[in-house]
Amino acid sequence: MHLSRYILALAVGCCIAATICSCTNDAYDTGDGDYSYLRADFGEVATGADTCCIVGAETDEGETLSFNQPYRCRWAAVADTTYRALIYYNKVNDDVEPVSIVAVSVLHAMPLADGYAMHDDPVMFESAWMSPNGKYLNMGIALKSGKADAVDARHVIGLVPHSSANNADGTHTVAVQLYHNRNSVPEYYTVRTYLSFPLADYPDADTLKVLLNTYDGMVEKKIKLGK
């Protein structure tokens, strides 16, 4: 499979920030507002027999969440499937109420197909961390975006192999590079997004190095995989 079949078009925009900040003064004073028990976790969500209907999740901390009612997401379009997501939910005792579920892009390193050029339009790097369960390397980035003249103009994000090296100490380092094609989307405002790289893709690597072009130049992030 080549990257031309796997790169992701991102329609970036605001998600739930306005919602979770809209509490009244009375609710804030008493601590009993709708979002008093709001939590946010990265994890994997599962759809049920109906498409677009998420019925539960497992967080990166290993906690199983069974929702008190299914949560509908248009992007969860396949039944009986697991998706990567950032989950906002209220939890009181064992009662879990989903508030918002935001899809997280999962990137596998794929070589560029013949005829496709590498794009490394700059992004803003914000954070990188390992999931507590060891399944993902996660990265927070920000994109400069705006309303494009072409209705189908989207940021395109992907991951391409870069290099592989055996080190003098006997360890092995795999390097990948972020692919980013801004597609002439204007840069009016900043939108944050998250990416996840499955570590099962790198069974022989002791260190994963991610290269990404930023507005301050090329950045390398090295993550020891703890093997």
Protein backbone atom coordinates (compact mmCIF):
# COMPACT_ATOMS: atom_id res chain seq x y z
CA MET A 1 0.00 0.00 0.00
CA HIS A 2 1.33 3.45 -0.87
CA LEU A 3 0.80 6.76 0.85
CA SER A 4 -1.29 8.05 -2.04
CA ARG A 5 -3.99 5.65 -0.83
CA TYR A 6 -3.52 6.35 2.85
CA ILE A 7 -2.92 10.06 3.42
CA LEU A 8 -5.63 11.78 5.39
CA ALA A 9 -7.55 14.89 4.41
CA LEU A 10 -8.34 16.97 7.46
CA ALA A 11 -11.31 19.31 7.57
CA VAL A 12 -10.05 21.32 10.52
CA GLY A 13 -12.31 23.38 12.73
CA CYS A 14 -13.49 23.94 16.27
CA CYS A 15 -14.89 20.90 18.06
CA ILE A 16 -16.20 21.18 21.60
CA ALA A 17 -14.34 24.02 23.27
CA ALA A 18 -17.32 26.37 23.15
CA THR A 19 -19.56 23.67 24.59
CA ILE A 20 -17.50 22.67 27.59
CA CYS A 21 -16.82 26.28 28.56
CA SER A 22 -20.45 27.34 28.59
CA CYS A 23 -21.34 26.90 32.24
CA THR A 24 -23.35 29.39 34.24
CA ASN A 25 -21.97 31.26 37.21
CA ASP A 26 -24.32 29.48 39.61
CA ALA A 27 -23.25 26.07 38.34
CA TYR A 28 -19.61 27.02 38.79
CA ASP A 29 -20.20 28.19 42.37
CA THR A 30 -22.02 25.06 43.45
CA GLY A 31 -19.86 22.60 41.54
CA ASP A 32 -22.95 20.85 40.16
CA GLY A 33 -22.87 22.00 36.53
CA ASP A 34 -23.28 19.68 33.56
CA TYR A 35 -19.50 19.41 33.21
CA SER A 36 -18.47 19.19 36.87
CA TYR A 37 -17.38 15.57 36.36
CA LEU A 38 -16.01 16.01 32.84
CA ARG A 39 -12.99 13.88 31.97
CA ALA A 40 -10.93 13.61 28.79
CA ASP A 41 -9.00 10.49 27.77
CA PHE A 42 -7.37 9.12 24.66
CA GLY A 43 -8.46 5.62 23.81
CA GLU A 44 -10.16 3.30 21.38
CA VAL A 45 -13.91 3.49 20.89
CA ALA A 46 -16.12 0.70 19.56
CA THR A 47 -19.18 0.88 17.36
CA GLY A 48 -22.07 -1.51 17.82
CA ALA A 49 -24.23 -3.24 15.25
CA ASP A 50 -25.49 0.14 14.00
CA THR A 51 -23.15 2.40 12.04
CA CYS A 52 -22.28 5.79 13.51
CA CYS A 53 -23.19 4.50 16.95
CA ILE A 54 -20.39 4.27 19.56
CA VAL A 55 -21.29 2.06 22.49
CA GLY A 56 -18.13 2.02 24.62
CA ALA A 57 -14.41 2.61 24.86
CA GLU A 58 -11.15 1.52 26.41
CA THR A 59 -8.85 4.34 27.52
CA ASP A 60 -5.08 4.35 27.15
CA GLU A 61 -4.97 3.87 30.93
CA GLY A 62 -6.73 0.52 30.48
CA GLU A 63 -10.12 1.59 31.83
CA THR A 64 -13.21 0.13 30.13
CA LEU A 65 -16.04 2.62 29.60
CA SER A 66 -19.57 1.35 28.99
CA PHE A 67 -21.72 4.28 27.94
CA ASN A 68 -25.13 4.75 29.54
CA GLN A 69 -26.43 5.49 26.05
CA PRO A 70 -24.90 5.13 22.56
CA TYR A 71 -23.16 8.18 21.13
CA ARG A 72 -23.63 8.96 17.44
CA CYS A 73 -20.65 10.17 15.37
CA ARG A 74 -20.94 10.60 11.62
CA TRP A 75 -17.27 9.71 11.17
CA ALA A 76 -17.74 6.29 12.84
CA ALA A 77 -19.26 4.87 9.68
CA VAL A 78 -18.54 1.14 10.03
CA ALA A 79 -20.37 -1.20 12.43
CA ASP A 80 -18.49 -3.47 14.86
CA THR A 81 -15.28 -1.49 14.39
CA THR A 82 -12.69 0.14 16.66
CA TYR A 83 -11.59 3.75 16.15
CA ARG A 84 -8.92 5.91 17.78
CA ALA A 85 -10.43 8.91 19.57
CA LEU A 86 -10.23 11.58 22.23
CA ILE A 87 -13.17 10.95 24.55
CA TYR A 88 -14.84 13.62 26.66
CA TYR A 89 -17.24 12.16 29.20
CA ASN A 90 -18.89 12.60 32.56
CA LYS A 91 -18.40 9.79 35.05
CA VAL A 92 -20.14 9.42 38.39
CA ASN A 93 -19.43 6.07 40.04
CA ASP A 94 -19.96 3.55 37.20
CA ASP A 95 -22.28 5.77 35.16
CA VAL A 96 -20.49 7.04 32.02
CA GLU A 97 -22.13 9.76 29.94
CA PRO A 98 -20.31 10.59 26.65
CA VAL A 99 -20.19 14.33 25.98
CA SER A 100 -18.07 14.50 22.82
CA ILE A 101 -15.88 12.03 20.91
CA VAL A 102 -13.28 13.44 18.54
CA ALA A 103 -11.59 11.23 15.95
CA VAL A 104 -7.78 10.98 16.17
CA SER A 105 -5.87 10.31 12.96
CA VAL A 106 -3.86 7.06 13.04
CA LEU A 107 -0.84 7.24 10.73
CA HIS A 108 1.10 4.29 9.30
CA ALA A 109 4.34 5.04 7.47
CA MET A 110 3.77 4.41 3.75
CA PRO A 111 6.15 5.07 0.84
CA LEU A 112 5.08 7.62 -1.72
CA ALA A 113 3.61 6.11 -4.86
CA ASP A 114 5.29 6.78 -8.19
CA GLY A 115 4.53 10.25 -9.45
CA TYR A 116 3.70 11.68 -6.01
CA ALA A 117 5.97 14.39 -4.63
CA MET A 118 6.93 14.79 -1.00
CA HIS A 119 5.28 17.73 0.76
CA ASP A 120 6.53 19.07 4.08
CA ASP A 121 4.57 22.29 4.53
CA PRO A 122 5.27 23.56 8.06
CA VAL A 123 3.22 22.72 11.14
CA MET A 124 3.56 23.79 14.76
CA PHE A 125 4.81 21.07 17.08
CA GLU A 126 3.22 21.07 20.54
CA SER A 127 3.74 17.72 22.30
CA ALA A 128 4.67 14.06 21.97
CA TRP A 129 4.10 11.22 24.42
CA MET A 130 3.73 7.47 24.70
CA SER A 131 0.35 5.99 25.54
CA PRO A 132 0.43 4.37 29.01
CA ASN A 133 -0.54 1.04 27.44
CA GLY A 134 2.42 1.25 25.04
CA LYS A 135 0.28 0.98 21.90
CA TYR A 136 0.79 4.45 20.41
CA LEU A 137 3.17 7.33 20.07
CA ASN A 138 0.94 10.40 20.16
CA MET A 139 1.72 13.84 18.82
CA GLY A 140 -0.07 17.15 19.20
CA ILE A 141 0.42 19.62 16.37
CA ALA A 142 -1.24 22.83 15.24
CA LEU A 143 -2.07 23.84 11.68
CA LYS A 144 -2.56 27.31 10.32
CA SER A 145 -5.83 27.23 8.43
CA GLY A 146 -8.70 29.23 7.03
CA LYS A 147 -11.56 29.13 4.55
CA ALA A 148 -10.23 28.15 1.12
CA ASP A 149 -11.65 29.31 -2.19
CA ALA A 150 -11.95 25.70 -3.38
CA VAL A 151 -14.62 23.80 -1.45
CA ASP A 152 -12.59 20.58 -1.53
CA ALA A 153 -9.29 22.12 -0.33
CA ARG A 154 -8.04 20.28 2.76
CA HIS A 155 -4.85 19.83 4.69
CA VAL A 156 -3.40 16.42 3.85
CA ILE A 157 -1.40 14.64 6.57
CA GLY A 158 0.54 11.40 6.25
CA LEU A 159 3.70 9.60 7.31
CA VAL A 160 6.54 8.35 5.11
CA PRO A 161 9.54 6.15 5.93
CA HIS A 162 12.79 8.09 6.24
CA SER A 163 15.65 5.86 7.41
CA SER A 164 16.61 2.87 9.50
CA ALA A 165 19.91 2.47 11.36
CA ASN A 166 21.71 0.02 13.63
CA ASN A 167 23.47 1.88 16.43
CA ALA A 168 26.88 1.18 17.96
CA ASP A 169 25.27 0.05 21.22
CA GLY A 170 23.30 -2.66 19.42
CA THR A 171 20.00 -0.78 19.36
CA HIS A 172 17.95 0.02 16.28
CA THR A 173 16.49 3.40 15.32
CA VAL A 174 13.70 3.89 12.79
CA ALA A 175 12.99 7.37 11.43
CA VAL A 176 9.78 8.55 9.77
CA GLN A 177 8.81 11.94 8.40
CA LEU A 178 5.52 13.79 8.56
CA TYR A 179 3.92 14.47 5.19
CA HIS A 180 1.90 17.70 5.09
CA ASN A 181 0.33 19.27 2.02
CA ARG A 182 -1.50 22.50 2.88
CA ASN A 183 -3.20 22.47 -0.54
CA SER A 184 -3.27 26.29 -0.68
CA VAL A 185 -5.51 26.52 2.39
CA PRO A 186 -4.99 30.07 3.76
CA GLU A 187 -3.28 30.64 7.11
CA TYR A 188 -5.73 32.82 9.01
CA TYR A 189 -5.99 31.02 12.35
CA THR A 190 -4.54 28.11 14.30
CA VAL A 191 -6.24 24.74 14.78
CA ARG A 192 -4.88 22.01 17.04
CA THR A 193 -5.09 18.34 16.18
CA TYR A 194 -3.70 15.01 17.42
CA LEU A 195 -1.98 12.16 15.59
CA SER A 196 -1.28 8.61 16.76
CA PHE A 197 1.40 6.28 15.41
CA PRO A 198 0.82 2.56 16.21
CA LEU A 199 4.02 1.19 17.75
CA ALA A 200 3.18 -2.30 16.52
CA ASP A 201 4.39 -1.00 13.14
CA TYR A 202 7.96 -0.88 14.52
CA PRO A 203 8.58 -4.27 16.17
CA ASP A 204 12.36 -4.13 15.67
CA ALA A 205 12.88 -0.50 16.73
CA ASP A 206 14.31 0.53 20.08
CA THR A 207 13.92 4.22 19.20
CA LEU A 208 11.43 5.93 16.91
CA LYS A 209 12.49 9.26 15.43
CA VAL A 210 9.84 11.54 13.92
CA LEU A 211 10.93 14.38 11.64
CA LEU A 212 8.58 17.26 10.95
CA ASN A 213 8.99 20.63 9.33
CA THR A 214 7.93 23.57 11.52
CA TYR A 215 7.87 27.31 11.05
CA ASP A 216 11.18 27.32 12.95
CA GLY A 217 12.77 24.69 10.73
CA MET A 218 13.05 20.90 10.75
CA VAL A 219 12.50 19.26 14.14
CA GLU A 220 13.42 15.73 15.26
CA LYS A 221 11.61 14.01 18.11
CA LYS A 222 13.21 10.82 19.44
CA ILE A 223 11.13 8.46 21.55
CA LYS A 224 12.65 5.43 23.26
CA LEU A 225 10.23 2.55 22.96
CA GLY A 226 11.25 0.87 26.20
CA LYS A 227 12.14 -2.53 24.76
